[in-house]
């Protein structure tokens, strides 16, 4: 009888630990969703208030900042396509690689961003080491170890504008499908902002 009671208590303790873990995960998920929604609303407001006086570079910085807040990352880039060369240019960088990557040019079709722009399709890379298109040369150049990437194209209809990407989460977890969906929304808003800023200039 005592043995059965001990097993019951042990089972209840394990179940309690499991439920606490699930509760913490759910709380983290809800908090991330709230951050994402707040960032997207803020970004939409910025797009709606674009005028000829809008500082396009500040706008791009704010777009990138909103995207990183939304997916819980501290490192990311917004790259624009140079139509003449086909290169992608890092026009804004947030994180420890900023000084080295700002204005850095990726050869046409290079890396995750290059593949994203070429295919006009978003990419979710939970593990960079398992992704054939991942370009380790950029990591070597910057010193940042990229473990997970989410990247979406910036498009104006069929016209390729560039890409926006987040690298590594603050928590260390891999990016997931919900992060990709949030980034796709950010990408659409960012594309609208860039096109509208072009029209106003």
N, C-alpha and C. Protein backbone atom coordinates (compact mmCIF):
# COMPACT_ATOMS: atom_id res chain seq x y z
N UNK A 1 0.83 -1.20 0.00
CA UNK A 1 0.00 0.00 0.00
C UNK A 1 0.86 1.26 0.00
N UNK A 2 1.93 1.20 0.87
CA UNK A 2 2.83 2.35 0.96
C UNK A 2 3.53 2.57 -0.37
N UNK A 3 3.88 1.46 -1.05
CA UNK A 3 4.56 1.56 -2.34
C UNK A 3 3.65 2.22 -3.38
N UNK A 4 2.37 1.86 -3.38
CA UNK A 4 1.41 2.44 -4.31
C UNK A 4 1.23 3.93 -4.04
N UNK A 5 1.19 4.28 -2.74
CA UNK A 5 1.07 5.70 -2.38
C UNK A 5 2.28 6.48 -2.86
N UNK A 6 3.46 5.89 -2.70
CA UNK A 6 4.71 6.54 -3.13
C UNK A 6 4.70 6.77 -4.63
N UNK A 7 4.25 5.75 -5.37
CA UNK A 7 4.18 5.88 -6.84
C UNK A 7 3.18 6.96 -7.24
N UNK A 8 2.07 7.04 -6.55
CA UNK A 8 1.04 8.06 -6.84
C UNK A 8 1.59 9.46 -6.60
N UNK A 9 2.28 9.61 -5.47
CA UNK A 9 2.88 10.92 -5.15
C UNK A 9 3.92 11.30 -6.19
N UNK A 10 4.75 10.31 -6.56
CA UNK A 10 5.79 10.57 -7.57
C UNK A 10 5.15 10.98 -8.90
N UNK A 11 4.08 10.26 -9.26
CA UNK A 11 3.37 10.58 -10.52
C UNK A 11 2.77 11.98 -10.47
N UNK A 12 2.17 12.34 -9.34
CA UNK A 12 1.57 13.67 -9.20
C UNK A 12 2.62 14.76 -9.26
N UNK A 13 3.79 14.50 -8.68
CA UNK A 13 4.87 15.49 -8.74
C UNK A 13 5.36 15.69 -10.17
N UNK A 14 5.52 14.56 -10.88
CA UNK A 14 5.96 14.64 -12.29
C UNK A 14 4.94 15.38 -13.14
N UNK A 15 3.66 15.10 -12.88
CA UNK A 15 2.60 15.76 -13.64
C UNK A 15 2.58 17.26 -13.33
N UNK A 16 2.82 17.60 -12.08
CA UNK A 16 2.87 19.00 -11.67
C UNK A 16 4.02 19.73 -12.37
N UNK A 17 5.17 19.09 -12.46
CA UNK A 17 6.33 19.67 -13.15
C UNK A 17 6.02 19.86 -14.63
N UNK A 18 5.37 18.83 -15.23
CA UNK A 18 5.02 18.92 -16.66
C UNK A 18 4.06 20.07 -16.92
N UNK A 19 3.05 20.21 -16.06
CA UNK A 19 2.06 21.26 -16.24
C UNK A 19 2.68 22.65 -16.06
N UNK A 20 3.59 22.77 -15.10
CA UNK A 20 4.28 24.05 -14.90
C UNK A 20 5.10 24.42 -16.13
N UNK A 21 5.76 23.42 -16.71
CA UNK A 21 6.57 23.66 -17.91
C UNK A 21 5.69 24.10 -19.07
N UNK A 22 4.55 23.41 -19.25
CA UNK A 22 3.62 23.78 -20.32
C UNK A 22 3.06 25.18 -20.10
N UNK A 23 2.77 25.50 -18.85
CA UNK A 23 2.24 26.82 -18.51
C UNK A 23 3.26 27.92 -18.83
N UNK A 24 4.53 27.67 -18.50
CA UNK A 24 5.59 28.64 -18.80
C UNK A 24 5.75 28.82 -20.30
N UNK A 25 5.68 27.71 -21.04
CA UNK A 25 5.80 27.79 -22.51
C UNK A 25 4.65 28.58 -23.10
N UNK A 26 3.44 28.33 -22.58
CA UNK A 26 2.26 29.04 -23.07
C UNK A 26 2.35 30.53 -22.75
N UNK A 27 2.84 30.86 -21.56
CA UNK A 27 3.01 32.26 -21.17
C UNK A 27 4.02 32.95 -22.09
N UNK A 28 5.13 32.27 -22.37
CA UNK A 28 6.14 32.83 -23.27
C UNK A 28 5.55 33.07 -24.66
N UNK A 29 4.74 32.12 -25.14
CA UNK A 29 4.14 32.23 -26.46
C UNK A 29 3.18 33.42 -26.52
N UNK A 30 2.35 33.56 -25.48
CA UNK A 30 1.40 34.68 -25.43
C UNK A 30 2.14 36.01 -25.39
N UNK A 31 3.23 36.07 -24.60
CA UNK A 31 4.01 37.31 -24.52
C UNK A 31 4.63 37.65 -25.87
N UNK A 32 5.11 36.63 -26.58
CA UNK A 32 5.69 36.87 -27.91
C UNK A 32 4.62 37.37 -28.88
N UNK A 33 3.43 36.78 -28.80
CA UNK A 33 2.33 37.23 -29.66
C UNK A 33 1.96 38.68 -29.38
N UNK A 34 1.93 39.04 -28.09
CA UNK A 34 1.61 40.41 -27.71
C UNK A 34 2.66 41.39 -28.24
N UNK A 35 3.94 41.02 -28.12
CA UNK A 35 5.02 41.87 -28.65
C UNK A 35 4.90 42.01 -30.16
N UNK A 36 4.58 40.89 -30.81
CA UNK A 36 4.46 40.90 -32.26
C UNK A 36 3.32 41.81 -32.70
N UNK A 37 2.17 41.68 -32.04
CA UNK A 37 1.01 42.51 -32.40
C UNK A 37 1.30 43.99 -32.19
N UNK A 38 1.94 44.31 -31.07
CA UNK A 38 2.28 45.70 -30.76
C UNK A 38 3.23 46.26 -31.81
N UNK A 39 4.24 45.46 -32.18
CA UNK A 39 5.21 45.91 -33.18
C UNK A 39 4.55 46.12 -34.54
N UNK A 40 3.64 45.23 -34.91
CA UNK A 40 2.97 45.34 -36.21
C UNK A 40 2.03 46.56 -36.26
N UNK A 41 1.33 46.81 -35.16
CA UNK A 41 0.45 47.98 -35.10
C UNK A 41 1.29 49.26 -35.23
N UNK A 42 2.42 49.29 -34.52
CA UNK A 42 3.31 50.45 -34.56
C UNK A 42 3.83 50.66 -35.99
N UNK A 43 4.19 49.56 -36.64
CA UNK A 43 4.70 49.64 -38.01
C UNK A 43 3.63 50.12 -38.98
N UNK A 44 2.40 49.62 -38.82
CA UNK A 44 1.30 50.05 -39.68
C UNK A 44 1.06 51.55 -39.55
N UNK A 45 1.15 52.05 -38.34
CA UNK A 45 0.96 53.50 -38.13
C UNK A 45 2.04 54.30 -38.84
N UNK A 46 3.26 53.80 -38.83
CA UNK A 46 4.35 54.50 -39.51
C UNK A 46 4.13 54.51 -41.03
N UNK A 47 3.66 53.38 -41.57
CA UNK A 47 3.39 53.31 -43.00
C UNK A 47 2.29 54.30 -43.38
N UNK A 48 1.28 54.40 -42.53
CA UNK A 48 0.14 55.28 -42.82
C UNK A 48 0.49 56.76 -42.78
N UNK A 49 1.61 57.10 -42.12
CA UNK A 49 1.95 58.52 -41.97
C UNK A 49 3.15 58.94 -42.83
N UNK A 50 3.50 58.13 -43.82
CA UNK A 50 4.60 58.49 -44.71
C UNK A 50 4.24 59.75 -45.50
N UNK A 51 5.18 60.66 -45.57
CA UNK A 51 5.00 61.91 -46.32
C UNK A 51 6.30 62.24 -47.04
N UNK A 52 6.28 63.28 -47.89
CA UNK A 52 7.54 63.67 -48.58
C UNK A 52 8.65 64.04 -47.59
N UNK A 53 8.29 64.37 -46.36
CA UNK A 53 9.29 64.75 -45.36
C UNK A 53 9.84 63.54 -44.59
N UNK A 54 9.29 62.36 -44.85
CA UNK A 54 9.71 61.17 -44.11
C UNK A 54 11.17 60.83 -44.41
N UNK A 55 11.94 60.58 -43.38
CA UNK A 55 13.33 60.14 -43.52
C UNK A 55 13.31 58.64 -43.82
N UNK A 56 13.61 58.27 -45.07
CA UNK A 56 13.50 56.88 -45.49
C UNK A 56 14.43 55.97 -44.70
N UNK A 57 15.63 56.48 -44.36
CA UNK A 57 16.57 55.64 -43.62
C UNK A 57 16.09 55.40 -42.18
N UNK A 58 15.50 56.42 -41.58
CA UNK A 58 14.91 56.24 -40.25
C UNK A 58 13.74 55.28 -40.32
N UNK A 59 12.95 55.39 -41.37
CA UNK A 59 11.81 54.49 -41.55
C UNK A 59 12.28 53.04 -41.67
N UNK A 60 13.33 52.82 -42.45
CA UNK A 60 13.87 51.47 -42.62
C UNK A 60 14.36 50.93 -41.28
N UNK A 61 15.02 51.79 -40.50
CA UNK A 61 15.49 51.38 -39.18
C UNK A 61 14.30 50.98 -38.30
N UNK A 62 13.23 51.75 -38.36
CA UNK A 62 12.06 51.46 -37.54
C UNK A 62 11.36 50.18 -37.99
N UNK A 63 11.34 49.95 -39.30
CA UNK A 63 10.77 48.71 -39.84
C UNK A 63 11.54 47.51 -39.32
N UNK A 64 12.87 47.59 -39.40
CA UNK A 64 13.71 46.48 -38.95
C UNK A 64 13.58 46.27 -37.45
N UNK A 65 13.56 47.36 -36.70
CA UNK A 65 13.40 47.26 -35.25
C UNK A 65 12.10 46.55 -34.90
N UNK A 66 11.01 46.93 -35.57
CA UNK A 66 9.71 46.31 -35.31
C UNK A 66 9.73 44.82 -35.61
N UNK A 67 10.40 44.44 -36.69
CA UNK A 67 10.45 43.03 -37.06
C UNK A 67 11.20 42.21 -36.02
N UNK A 68 12.29 42.76 -35.49
CA UNK A 68 13.09 42.03 -34.49
C UNK A 68 12.34 41.91 -33.16
N UNK A 69 11.66 42.97 -32.78
CA UNK A 69 10.83 42.91 -31.56
C UNK A 69 9.77 41.82 -31.72
N UNK A 70 9.19 41.76 -32.91
CA UNK A 70 8.09 40.83 -33.16
C UNK A 70 8.51 39.36 -33.05
N UNK A 71 9.75 39.05 -33.38
CA UNK A 71 10.19 37.64 -33.35
C UNK A 71 11.20 37.36 -32.24
N UNK A 72 11.44 38.34 -31.36
CA UNK A 72 12.31 38.12 -30.23
C UNK A 72 13.76 37.94 -30.59
N UNK A 73 14.26 38.81 -31.48
CA UNK A 73 15.65 38.74 -31.90
C UNK A 73 16.34 40.08 -31.68
N UNK A 74 17.67 40.04 -31.61
CA UNK A 74 18.46 41.27 -31.46
C UNK A 74 19.36 41.53 -32.65
N UNK A 75 19.33 40.64 -33.64
CA UNK A 75 20.19 40.78 -34.81
C UNK A 75 19.39 40.60 -36.09
N UNK A 76 19.48 41.59 -36.96
CA UNK A 76 18.75 41.48 -38.22
C UNK A 76 19.20 42.50 -39.22
N UNK A 77 18.73 42.33 -40.45
CA UNK A 77 19.15 43.20 -41.54
C UNK A 77 18.01 43.45 -42.50
N UNK A 78 18.05 44.62 -43.12
CA UNK A 78 17.18 44.90 -44.25
C UNK A 78 18.09 45.16 -45.44
N UNK A 79 17.89 44.37 -46.48
CA UNK A 79 18.74 44.44 -47.66
C UNK A 79 17.90 44.88 -48.85
N UNK A 80 18.46 45.77 -49.66
CA UNK A 80 17.77 46.21 -50.88
C UNK A 80 18.55 45.74 -52.09
N UNK A 81 17.80 45.44 -53.14
CA UNK A 81 18.39 44.92 -54.37
C UNK A 81 18.93 46.05 -55.23
N UNK A 82 20.17 45.92 -55.65
CA UNK A 82 20.77 46.82 -56.63
C UNK A 82 20.40 46.28 -58.00
N UNK A 83 19.48 46.94 -58.69
CA UNK A 83 18.97 46.42 -59.97
C UNK A 83 20.06 46.30 -61.02
N UNK A 84 21.07 47.14 -60.95
CA UNK A 84 22.13 47.13 -61.97
C UNK A 84 23.07 45.94 -61.81
N UNK A 85 23.42 45.60 -60.58
CA UNK A 85 24.39 44.53 -60.35
C UNK A 85 23.77 43.21 -59.91
N UNK A 86 22.52 43.28 -59.41
CA UNK A 86 21.89 42.08 -58.86
C UNK A 86 22.34 41.77 -57.44
N UNK A 87 23.20 42.64 -56.89
CA UNK A 87 23.68 42.43 -55.52
C UNK A 87 22.63 42.89 -54.51
N UNK A 88 22.70 42.30 -53.33
CA UNK A 88 21.88 42.76 -52.21
C UNK A 88 22.76 43.61 -51.30
N UNK A 89 22.26 44.79 -50.96
CA UNK A 89 23.03 45.73 -50.14
C UNK A 89 22.41 45.83 -48.75
N UNK A 90 23.22 45.66 -47.73
CA UNK A 90 22.76 45.81 -46.35
C UNK A 90 22.58 47.30 -46.07
N UNK A 91 21.35 47.79 -46.18
CA UNK A 91 21.10 49.23 -45.98
C UNK A 91 20.80 49.56 -44.52
N UNK A 92 20.41 48.53 -43.74
CA UNK A 92 20.24 48.72 -42.30
C UNK A 92 20.56 47.42 -41.60
N UNK A 93 21.28 47.54 -40.50
CA UNK A 93 21.67 46.37 -39.71
C UNK A 93 21.51 46.72 -38.24
N UNK A 94 20.88 45.83 -37.50
CA UNK A 94 20.76 45.99 -36.05
C UNK A 94 21.46 44.81 -35.39
N UNK A 95 22.27 45.10 -34.40
CA UNK A 95 22.97 44.03 -33.69
C UNK A 95 24.47 44.22 -33.73
N UNK A 96 25.17 43.20 -33.27
CA UNK A 96 26.62 43.31 -33.11
C UNK A 96 27.39 43.35 -34.42
N UNK A 97 26.75 43.02 -35.54
CA UNK A 97 27.44 43.04 -36.84
C UNK A 97 27.26 44.34 -37.60
N UNK A 98 26.58 45.31 -37.00
CA UNK A 98 26.23 46.53 -37.72
C UNK A 98 27.42 47.21 -38.40
N UNK A 99 28.48 47.44 -37.64
CA UNK A 99 29.62 48.19 -38.19
C UNK A 99 30.23 47.51 -39.41
N UNK A 100 30.26 46.19 -39.41
CA UNK A 100 30.88 45.47 -40.53
C UNK A 100 29.92 45.26 -41.70
N UNK A 101 28.63 45.08 -41.40
CA UNK A 101 27.69 44.72 -42.47
C UNK A 101 27.04 45.89 -43.18
N UNK A 102 26.97 47.05 -42.53
CA UNK A 102 26.29 48.19 -43.15
C UNK A 102 26.95 48.52 -44.49
N UNK A 103 26.16 48.54 -45.55
CA UNK A 103 26.59 48.79 -46.94
C UNK A 103 27.37 47.63 -47.56
N UNK A 104 27.49 46.52 -46.84
CA UNK A 104 28.14 45.32 -47.39
C UNK A 104 27.26 44.77 -48.52
N UNK A 105 27.90 44.25 -49.55
CA UNK A 105 27.16 43.75 -50.72
C UNK A 105 27.29 42.23 -50.85
N UNK A 106 26.15 41.58 -51.00
CA UNK A 106 26.13 40.15 -51.25
C UNK A 106 26.03 39.91 -52.76
N UNK A 107 26.92 39.09 -53.31
CA UNK A 107 26.80 38.76 -54.74
C UNK A 107 25.44 38.16 -55.05
N UNK A 108 24.99 38.33 -56.26
CA UNK A 108 23.67 37.87 -56.70
C UNK A 108 23.43 36.40 -56.33
N UNK A 109 22.30 36.14 -55.68
CA UNK A 109 21.91 34.77 -55.35
C UNK A 109 22.65 34.15 -54.18
N UNK A 110 23.46 34.93 -53.46
CA UNK A 110 24.27 34.39 -52.37
C UNK A 110 23.50 34.30 -51.07
N UNK A 111 23.68 33.20 -50.36
CA UNK A 111 23.14 33.04 -49.01
C UNK A 111 21.63 32.89 -48.95
N UNK A 112 21.13 32.86 -47.73
CA UNK A 112 19.69 32.70 -47.49
C UNK A 112 18.93 33.89 -48.07
N UNK A 113 19.45 35.10 -47.86
CA UNK A 113 18.77 36.29 -48.39
C UNK A 113 18.74 36.27 -49.92
N UNK A 114 19.85 35.88 -50.53
CA UNK A 114 19.91 35.81 -51.98
C UNK A 114 18.92 34.81 -52.55
N UNK A 115 18.81 33.66 -51.90
CA UNK A 115 17.87 32.63 -52.35
C UNK A 115 16.43 33.10 -52.16
N UNK A 116 16.19 33.80 -51.04
CA UNK A 116 14.85 34.31 -50.76
C UNK A 116 14.41 35.30 -51.83
N UNK A 117 15.31 36.22 -52.19
CA UNK A 117 14.98 37.22 -53.21
C UNK A 117 14.82 36.57 -54.58
N UNK A 118 15.72 35.67 -54.92
CA UNK A 118 15.65 35.02 -56.23
C UNK A 118 14.36 34.23 -56.41
N UNK A 119 13.93 33.55 -55.35
CA UNK A 119 12.74 32.70 -55.44
C UNK A 119 11.45 33.45 -55.12
N UNK A 120 11.60 34.66 -54.53
CA UNK A 120 10.46 35.45 -54.05
C UNK A 120 9.66 34.69 -53.01
N UNK A 121 10.32 33.80 -52.30
CA UNK A 121 9.65 32.99 -51.28
C UNK A 121 10.37 33.13 -49.94
N UNK A 122 9.61 33.17 -48.84
CA UNK A 122 10.25 33.27 -47.53
C UNK A 122 11.00 32.00 -47.17
N UNK A 123 11.96 32.14 -46.28
CA UNK A 123 12.73 30.97 -45.82
C UNK A 123 12.79 30.93 -44.30
N UNK A 124 12.49 29.77 -43.77
CA UNK A 124 12.64 29.50 -42.34
C UNK A 124 13.80 28.52 -42.20
N UNK A 125 14.83 28.95 -41.50
CA UNK A 125 16.03 28.11 -41.33
C UNK A 125 16.24 27.87 -39.83
N UNK A 126 15.68 26.78 -39.29
CA UNK A 126 15.85 26.50 -37.86
C UNK A 126 17.30 26.19 -37.50
N UNK A 127 18.04 25.60 -38.45
CA UNK A 127 19.43 25.22 -38.20
C UNK A 127 20.26 25.58 -39.43
N UNK A 128 21.08 26.63 -39.30
CA UNK A 128 21.84 27.10 -40.46
C UNK A 128 22.80 26.05 -40.99
N UNK A 129 23.33 25.20 -40.11
CA UNK A 129 24.32 24.20 -40.54
C UNK A 129 23.70 23.15 -41.45
N UNK A 130 22.39 23.02 -41.40
CA UNK A 130 21.70 22.03 -42.24
C UNK A 130 21.12 22.66 -43.51
N UNK A 131 21.38 23.96 -43.72
CA UNK A 131 20.82 24.69 -44.87
C UNK A 131 21.90 24.90 -45.94
N UNK A 132 21.77 24.25 -47.10
CA UNK A 132 22.80 24.35 -48.15
C UNK A 132 23.07 25.78 -48.63
N UNK A 133 22.05 26.63 -48.62
CA UNK A 133 22.24 27.98 -49.15
C UNK A 133 22.87 28.94 -48.13
N UNK A 134 23.03 28.48 -46.88
CA UNK A 134 23.63 29.35 -45.86
C UNK A 134 25.06 29.71 -46.24
N UNK A 135 25.39 31.00 -46.14
CA UNK A 135 26.71 31.49 -46.52
C UNK A 135 27.54 31.75 -45.26
N UNK A 136 28.42 30.82 -44.91
CA UNK A 136 29.23 30.94 -43.69
C UNK A 136 30.28 32.04 -43.80
N UNK A 137 30.54 32.52 -45.02
CA UNK A 137 31.55 33.58 -45.19
C UNK A 137 31.15 34.86 -44.46
N UNK A 138 29.85 35.15 -44.43
CA UNK A 138 29.39 36.36 -43.75
C UNK A 138 29.64 36.24 -42.25
N UNK A 139 29.38 35.05 -41.69
CA UNK A 139 29.66 34.83 -40.27
C UNK A 139 31.15 35.02 -39.96
N UNK A 140 31.98 34.48 -40.84
CA UNK A 140 33.43 34.62 -40.63
C UNK A 140 33.85 36.08 -40.69
N UNK A 141 33.23 36.83 -41.58
CA UNK A 141 33.56 38.24 -41.74
C UNK A 141 33.11 39.06 -40.53
N UNK A 142 31.91 38.74 -40.00
CA UNK A 142 31.36 39.55 -38.91
C UNK A 142 31.73 39.03 -37.52
N UNK A 143 31.98 37.73 -37.42
CA UNK A 143 32.24 37.13 -36.11
C UNK A 143 30.98 36.68 -35.40
N UNK A 144 29.81 36.93 -36.00
CA UNK A 144 28.54 36.49 -35.42
C UNK A 144 28.27 35.05 -35.85
N UNK A 145 27.91 34.20 -34.89
CA UNK A 145 27.56 32.83 -35.22
C UNK A 145 26.06 32.71 -35.44
N UNK A 146 25.66 32.57 -36.68
CA UNK A 146 24.24 32.44 -37.02
C UNK A 146 23.82 30.99 -36.83
N UNK A 147 22.84 30.77 -35.99
CA UNK A 147 22.35 29.41 -35.76
C UNK A 147 20.97 29.18 -36.38
N UNK A 148 20.17 30.26 -36.45
CA UNK A 148 18.82 30.16 -37.01
C UNK A 148 18.47 31.49 -37.69
N UNK A 149 17.79 31.40 -38.82
CA UNK A 149 17.46 32.58 -39.61
C UNK A 149 16.03 32.49 -40.11
N UNK A 150 15.34 33.62 -40.12
CA UNK A 150 14.06 33.73 -40.82
C UNK A 150 14.18 34.93 -41.76
N UNK A 151 13.85 34.71 -43.02
CA UNK A 151 14.07 35.73 -44.04
C UNK A 151 12.87 35.77 -44.99
N UNK A 152 12.40 36.99 -45.28
CA UNK A 152 11.27 37.13 -46.20
C UNK A 152 11.62 38.14 -47.29
N UNK A 153 11.11 37.93 -48.50
CA UNK A 153 11.38 38.88 -49.58
C UNK A 153 10.56 40.14 -49.45
N UNK A 154 11.08 41.24 -49.95
CA UNK A 154 10.34 42.49 -50.05
C UNK A 154 9.97 42.64 -51.52
N UNK A 155 8.67 42.72 -51.78
CA UNK A 155 8.19 42.71 -53.16
C UNK A 155 7.20 43.84 -53.41
N UNK A 156 7.23 44.33 -54.63
CA UNK A 156 6.22 45.26 -55.13
C UNK A 156 5.57 44.58 -56.32
N UNK A 157 4.53 43.80 -56.05
CA UNK A 157 3.98 42.95 -57.11
C UNK A 157 5.01 41.89 -57.45
N UNK A 158 5.43 41.86 -58.71
CA UNK A 158 6.46 40.92 -59.14
C UNK A 158 7.86 41.51 -59.03
N UNK A 159 7.96 42.81 -58.74
CA UNK A 159 9.27 43.45 -58.64
C UNK A 159 9.94 43.12 -57.32
N UNK A 160 11.18 42.70 -57.40
CA UNK A 160 11.96 42.38 -56.21
C UNK A 160 12.58 43.66 -55.65
N UNK A 161 12.33 43.92 -54.37
CA UNK A 161 12.91 45.09 -53.71
C UNK A 161 14.11 44.71 -52.87
N UNK A 162 14.06 43.54 -52.24
CA UNK A 162 15.13 43.11 -51.34
C UNK A 162 14.61 42.06 -50.39
N UNK A 163 15.12 42.10 -49.15
CA UNK A 163 14.72 41.11 -48.16
C UNK A 163 14.93 41.68 -46.76
N UNK A 164 14.21 41.10 -45.81
CA UNK A 164 14.40 41.45 -44.41
C UNK A 164 14.59 40.14 -43.66
N UNK A 165 15.59 40.11 -42.77
CA UNK A 165 15.89 38.87 -42.08
C UNK A 165 16.21 39.11 -40.61
N UNK A 166 15.89 38.11 -39.80
CA UNK A 166 16.26 38.10 -38.39
C UNK A 166 17.20 36.92 -38.17
N UNK A 167 18.21 37.13 -37.34
CA UNK A 167 19.22 36.10 -37.09
C UNK A 167 19.27 35.81 -35.59
N UNK A 168 19.03 34.57 -35.23
CA UNK A 168 19.09 34.09 -33.84
C UNK A 168 18.04 34.77 -32.95
N UNK A 169 17.46 34.00 -32.08
CA UNK A 169 16.53 34.54 -31.09
C UNK A 169 17.29 34.86 -29.81
N UNK A 170 16.74 35.78 -29.02
CA UNK A 170 17.38 36.12 -27.74
C UNK A 170 17.39 34.92 -26.80
N UNK A 171 16.36 34.08 -26.88
CA UNK A 171 16.25 32.92 -25.98
C UNK A 171 17.12 31.75 -26.42
N UNK A 172 17.57 31.78 -27.68
CA UNK A 172 18.36 30.66 -28.19
C UNK A 172 17.53 29.60 -28.88
N UNK A 173 16.21 29.72 -28.81
CA UNK A 173 15.35 28.75 -29.51
C UNK A 173 15.44 28.99 -31.01
N UNK A 174 15.21 27.96 -31.82
CA UNK A 174 15.17 28.17 -33.27
C UNK A 174 13.93 28.96 -33.66
N UNK A 175 14.01 29.70 -34.75
CA UNK A 175 12.81 30.34 -35.28
C UNK A 175 11.83 29.25 -35.71
N UNK A 176 10.53 29.57 -35.62
CA UNK A 176 9.51 28.58 -35.98
C UNK A 176 8.51 29.18 -36.97
N UNK A 177 7.49 28.39 -37.28
CA UNK A 177 6.51 28.80 -38.30
C UNK A 177 5.78 30.08 -37.91
N UNK A 178 5.49 30.25 -36.62
CA UNK A 178 4.79 31.47 -36.21
C UNK A 178 5.68 32.70 -36.41
N UNK A 179 6.99 32.55 -36.21
CA UNK A 179 7.91 33.65 -36.48
C UNK A 179 7.91 34.00 -37.96
N UNK A 180 7.90 32.96 -38.79
CA UNK A 180 7.87 33.18 -40.24
C UNK A 180 6.61 33.94 -40.65
N UNK A 181 5.48 33.56 -40.08
CA UNK A 181 4.22 34.22 -40.43
C UNK A 181 4.24 35.69 -40.01
N UNK A 182 4.80 35.97 -38.82
CA UNK A 182 4.92 37.35 -38.37
C UNK A 182 5.83 38.13 -39.31
N UNK A 183 6.95 37.53 -39.69
CA UNK A 183 7.89 38.21 -40.58
C UNK A 183 7.29 38.45 -41.96
N UNK A 184 6.42 37.57 -42.41
CA UNK A 184 5.75 37.78 -43.69
C UNK A 184 4.86 39.02 -43.63
N UNK A 185 4.17 39.20 -42.51
CA UNK A 185 3.36 40.41 -42.34
C UNK A 185 4.25 41.65 -42.31
N UNK A 186 5.36 41.56 -41.56
CA UNK A 186 6.31 42.67 -41.51
C UNK A 186 6.84 42.97 -42.91
N UNK A 187 7.15 41.92 -43.65
CA UNK A 187 7.68 42.10 -45.00
C UNK A 187 6.71 42.84 -45.91
N UNK A 188 5.43 42.53 -45.79
CA UNK A 188 4.42 43.22 -46.60
C UNK A 188 4.33 44.70 -46.23
N UNK A 189 4.35 44.96 -44.92
CA UNK A 189 4.30 46.35 -44.47
C UNK A 189 5.57 47.10 -44.87
N UNK A 190 6.71 46.43 -44.75
CA UNK A 190 7.98 47.05 -45.13
C UNK A 190 8.00 47.37 -46.62
N UNK A 191 7.49 46.46 -47.43
CA UNK A 191 7.43 46.69 -48.88
C UNK A 191 6.54 47.89 -49.20
N UNK A 192 5.40 47.96 -48.54
CA UNK A 192 4.50 49.11 -48.73
C UNK A 192 5.19 50.41 -48.36
N UNK A 193 5.92 50.37 -47.23
CA UNK A 193 6.62 51.57 -46.76
C UNK A 193 7.69 52.02 -47.76
N UNK A 194 8.44 51.09 -48.29
CA UNK A 194 9.52 51.42 -49.23
C UNK A 194 8.94 51.97 -50.53
N UNK A 195 7.91 51.32 -51.04
CA UNK A 195 7.28 51.76 -52.29
C UNK A 195 6.66 53.14 -52.11
N UNK A 196 5.99 53.35 -50.98
CA UNK A 196 5.36 54.64 -50.72
C UNK A 196 6.42 55.73 -50.57
N UNK A 197 7.52 55.40 -49.90
CA UNK A 197 8.62 56.37 -49.75
C UNK A 197 9.24 56.71 -51.10
N UNK A 198 9.36 55.70 -51.97
CA UNK A 198 9.86 55.93 -53.33
C UNK A 198 8.93 56.89 -54.09
N UNK A 199 7.64 56.65 -53.94
CA UNK A 199 6.66 57.47 -54.66
C UNK A 199 6.69 58.92 -54.18
N UNK A 200 6.95 59.10 -52.89
CA UNK A 200 6.96 60.44 -52.32
C UNK A 200 8.24 61.22 -52.64
N UNK A 201 9.30 60.50 -52.96
CA UNK A 201 10.59 61.17 -53.15
C UNK A 201 10.66 61.86 -54.50
